[in-house]
Amino acid sequence: MFQIRIHGRGGQGVVTAAELLSVAAFLEGKYAQAFPSFGSERMGAPVVSFCRMDTKEIRLREPIVAPDALIVQDVTLFKAIDVFQGLKDNGYLLVNTNQGFADLHLDPVVTKLPPGHTVTVPATELALKHIGRPVPNAALLGAFAALTGMVRLESVAKAIREAFPGTIGDANIVAATEAHDAVVTRVSTAA
């Protein structure tokens, strides 16, 4: 089973990201589940959502305490909560920022993870560019597909299109594709 924990703030599409990721996995014939965890349900409050995917039925229903992957939609959370809690030694880390890990003082975390398992993506900038709103979730899902290979970009795009038909869906797919391609380029040049 592959488990993903997504950290962000209310209004960034954290819950929708987990739902879209589970639909993408389902479209590939996998079992999947997505669910949120709320403290305060106000805009800007910390929000966590979870996604599990597997080739067999998933019976677990509790929050993910030992994720295989972390998606961090808002870097201000690093000072507010321990987003890295429980991240597996061979886990993946995807962070929404235009800064590097050294700039964020995250080198101690990144060096513990395998090479090629960490990446930053300016997902909010991509969302503003293509969607016109600072909602980084779709771009991060495209980056997640490239980083982990757990789902294909085509499945992410189809999940987005099903949830958001029309121009909003199209714009989100363009943002996801650009983030995906940026990660593919970065990983291939680092190898």
Protein backbone atom coordinates (compact mmCIF):
# COMPACT_ATOMS: atom_id res chain seq x y z
CA MET A 1 0.00 0.00 0.00
CA PHE A 2 1.23 3.50 -0.86
CA GLN A 3 0.11 6.26 1.52
CA ILE A 4 0.18 10.00 0.86
CA ARG A 5 -0.33 12.81 3.35
CA ILE A 6 -1.10 16.26 1.99
CA HIS A 7 -0.56 19.35 4.17
CA GLY A 8 -1.87 22.77 3.31
CA ARG A 9 -4.21 25.52 4.39
CA GLY A 10 -7.93 25.92 3.93
CA GLY A 11 -8.73 27.22 0.46
CA GLN A 12 -5.71 25.64 -1.27
CA GLY A 13 -7.57 22.56 -2.46
CA VAL A 14 -5.95 20.10 -0.04
CA VAL A 15 -9.04 17.90 0.24
CA THR A 16 -9.69 18.06 -3.50
CA ALA A 17 -6.07 17.04 -4.17
CA ALA A 18 -6.49 13.80 -2.21
CA GLU A 19 -9.81 13.08 -3.91
CA LEU A 20 -8.38 13.68 -7.40
CA LEU A 21 -5.36 11.52 -6.61
CA SER A 22 -7.59 8.66 -5.47
CA VAL A 23 -9.68 8.96 -8.65
CA ALA A 24 -6.51 8.88 -10.77
CA ALA A 25 -5.41 5.69 -8.99
CA PHE A 26 -8.89 4.17 -9.44
CA LEU A 27 -8.77 4.97 -13.16
CA GLU A 28 -5.61 2.85 -13.32
CA GLY A 29 -7.38 -0.13 -11.77
CA LYS A 30 -6.10 0.41 -8.24
CA TYR A 31 -8.04 0.54 -5.02
CA ALA A 32 -7.93 3.98 -3.47
CA GLN A 33 -9.36 6.08 -0.68
CA ALA A 34 -9.17 9.74 0.22
CA PHE A 35 -10.29 11.56 3.33
CA PRO A 36 -9.57 14.85 5.14
CA SER A 37 -8.75 15.86 8.69
CA PHE A 38 -9.94 19.27 9.80
CA GLY A 39 -9.22 21.25 12.92
CA SER A 40 -10.87 24.54 12.19
CA GLU A 41 -12.88 24.82 9.01
CA ARG A 42 -11.87 28.35 8.11
CA MET A 43 -9.93 29.75 5.20
CA GLY A 44 -6.21 29.65 5.93
CA ALA A 45 -6.37 27.12 8.78
CA PRO A 46 -4.07 24.09 8.56
CA VAL A 47 -5.69 21.18 6.75
CA VAL A 48 -4.44 17.64 6.23
CA SER A 49 -5.84 15.15 3.76
CA PHE A 50 -4.89 11.57 3.12
CA CYS A 51 -4.82 9.25 0.13
CA ARG A 52 -4.10 5.54 0.02
CA MET A 53 -3.68 3.39 -3.08
CA ASP A 54 -3.06 -0.31 -3.47
CA THR A 55 -3.59 -3.22 -5.83
CA LYS A 56 -5.88 -4.89 -3.29
CA GLU A 57 -8.81 -3.72 -1.19
CA ILE A 58 -7.98 -1.15 1.48
CA ARG A 59 -9.56 -1.79 4.86
CA LEU A 60 -7.69 0.83 6.92
CA ARG A 61 -9.67 3.92 7.86
CA GLU A 62 -7.40 5.78 10.26
CA PRO A 63 -5.23 8.81 9.48
CA ILE A 64 -1.85 8.16 7.86
CA VAL A 65 0.91 8.35 10.46
CA ALA A 66 3.73 6.81 8.37
CA PRO A 67 3.36 8.26 4.86
CA ASP A 68 5.27 7.04 1.83
CA ALA A 69 4.93 10.55 0.38
CA LEU A 70 4.33 14.05 1.68
CA ILE A 71 2.89 16.85 -0.40
CA VAL A 72 3.28 20.24 1.28
CA GLN A 73 1.14 22.93 -0.32
CA ASP A 74 2.20 25.76 2.01
CA VAL A 75 5.75 26.26 3.32
CA THR A 76 4.54 28.36 6.26
CA LEU A 77 3.40 25.10 7.83
CA PHE A 78 7.02 24.11 8.49
CA LYS A 79 7.04 26.63 11.35
CA ALA A 80 3.57 25.69 12.61
CA ILE A 81 3.53 21.86 12.72
CA ASP A 82 5.83 18.88 12.23
CA VAL A 83 4.79 17.93 8.71
CA PHE A 84 7.64 15.39 8.48
CA GLN A 85 6.38 13.30 11.37
CA GLY A 86 6.40 9.63 10.41
CA LEU A 87 7.76 10.09 6.86
CA LYS A 88 9.32 6.79 5.84
CA ASP A 89 13.10 6.63 5.29
CA ASN A 90 12.53 5.87 1.60
CA GLY A 91 9.69 8.41 1.30
CA TYR A 92 9.02 11.14 -1.21
CA LEU A 93 8.81 14.87 -0.47
CA LEU A 94 7.09 17.35 -2.78
CA VAL A 95 6.97 21.00 -1.68
CA ASN A 96 5.15 23.92 -3.28
CA THR A 97 7.74 26.68 -3.47
CA ASN A 98 10.01 28.50 -5.88
CA GLN A 99 12.84 28.20 -3.33
CA GLY A 100 15.32 25.38 -2.93
CA PHE A 101 15.46 23.06 0.07
CA ALA A 102 18.60 24.84 1.35
CA ASP A 103 16.71 28.17 1.34
CA LEU A 104 14.00 26.54 3.45
CA HIS A 105 16.61 25.04 5.81
CA LEU A 106 15.32 21.55 4.96
CA ASP A 107 18.65 20.00 3.94
CA PRO A 108 18.73 17.83 7.10
CA VAL A 109 15.41 16.26 6.07
CA VAL A 110 16.22 15.99 2.37
CA THR A 111 19.61 14.33 2.88
CA LYS A 112 17.93 11.50 4.82
CA LEU A 113 15.74 10.62 1.83
CA PRO A 114 16.94 8.72 -1.25
CA PRO A 115 18.30 10.74 -4.19
CA GLY A 116 15.51 11.66 -6.59
CA HIS A 117 12.79 11.45 -3.92
CA THR A 118 12.56 15.19 -3.19
CA VAL A 119 11.54 18.12 -5.33
CA THR A 120 10.21 21.65 -5.07
CA VAL A 121 7.74 23.01 -7.61
CA PRO A 122 6.37 26.57 -7.86
CA ALA A 123 2.81 25.23 -8.00
CA THR A 124 1.14 28.40 -6.76
CA GLU A 125 2.88 30.39 -9.49
CA LEU A 126 1.77 27.84 -12.08
CA ALA A 127 -1.80 28.02 -10.77
CA LEU A 128 -1.81 31.82 -10.96
CA LYS A 129 -0.36 31.68 -14.47
CA HIS A 130 -2.84 29.16 -15.86
CA ILE A 131 -5.91 29.29 -13.60
CA GLY A 132 -5.75 32.84 -12.28
CA ARG A 133 -6.10 31.70 -8.65
CA PRO A 134 -3.52 30.57 -6.04
CA VAL A 135 -4.78 26.98 -5.87
CA PRO A 136 -1.70 24.74 -6.27
CA ASN A 137 -3.32 21.31 -5.96
CA ALA A 138 -3.55 20.31 -9.63
CA ALA A 139 0.00 21.39 -10.41
CA LEU A 140 1.25 19.41 -7.41
CA LEU A 141 -0.58 16.30 -8.59
CA GLY A 142 1.17 16.54 -11.95
CA ALA A 143 4.48 16.88 -10.12
CA PHE A 144 3.58 13.95 -7.86
CA ALA A 145 2.96 11.73 -10.89
CA ALA A 146 6.40 12.59 -12.28
CA LEU A 147 8.21 12.24 -8.94
CA THR A 148 6.75 8.94 -7.76
CA GLY A 149 5.37 7.17 -10.83
CA MET A 150 2.46 5.96 -8.68
CA VAL A 151 -0.06 7.39 -11.16
CA ARG A 152 0.29 8.61 -14.72
CA LEU A 153 -0.20 12.21 -15.78
CA GLU A 154 -2.96 11.04 -18.13
CA SER A 155 -4.90 9.63 -15.17
CA VAL A 156 -4.44 12.84 -13.18
CA ALA A 157 -5.68 14.84 -16.18
CA LYS A 158 -8.72 12.59 -16.58
CA ALA A 159 -9.55 12.91 -12.86
CA ILE A 160 -9.28 16.70 -13.12
CA ARG A 161 -11.46 16.78 -16.24
CA GLU A 162 -14.14 14.65 -14.54
CA ALA A 163 -14.21 16.93 -11.48
CA PHE A 164 -13.90 20.22 -13.36
CA PRO A 165 -15.25 20.03 -16.91
CA GLY A 166 -14.68 22.98 -19.21
CA THR A 167 -12.15 25.77 -19.11
CA ILE A 168 -11.34 25.45 -15.37
CA GLY A 169 -10.46 21.79 -15.86
CA ASP A 170 -8.45 22.57 -18.97
CA ALA A 171 -6.47 25.27 -17.14
CA ASN A 172 -5.77 22.92 -14.22
CA ILE A 173 -4.57 20.22 -16.62
CA VAL A 174 -2.18 22.70 -18.26
CA ALA A 175 -0.79 23.60 -14.80
CA ALA A 176 -0.45 19.90 -13.88
CA THR A 177 1.28 19.15 -17.17
CA GLU A 178 3.76 22.01 -16.81
CA ALA A 179 4.62 20.91 -13.25
CA HIS A 180 4.95 17.29 -14.40
CA ASP A 181 7.27 18.22 -17.23
CA ALA A 182 9.39 20.43 -14.95
CA VAL A 183 9.91 17.53 -12.54
CA VAL A 184 10.71 15.10 -15.35
CA THR A 185 13.31 17.55 -16.71
CA ARG A 186 14.80 18.18 -13.27
CA VAL A 187 15.03 14.46 -12.42
CA SER A 188 16.54 13.54 -15.81
CA THR A 189 19.19 16.29 -15.64
CA ALA A 190 20.10 15.29 -12.06
CA ALA A 191 20.68 11.66 -13.08
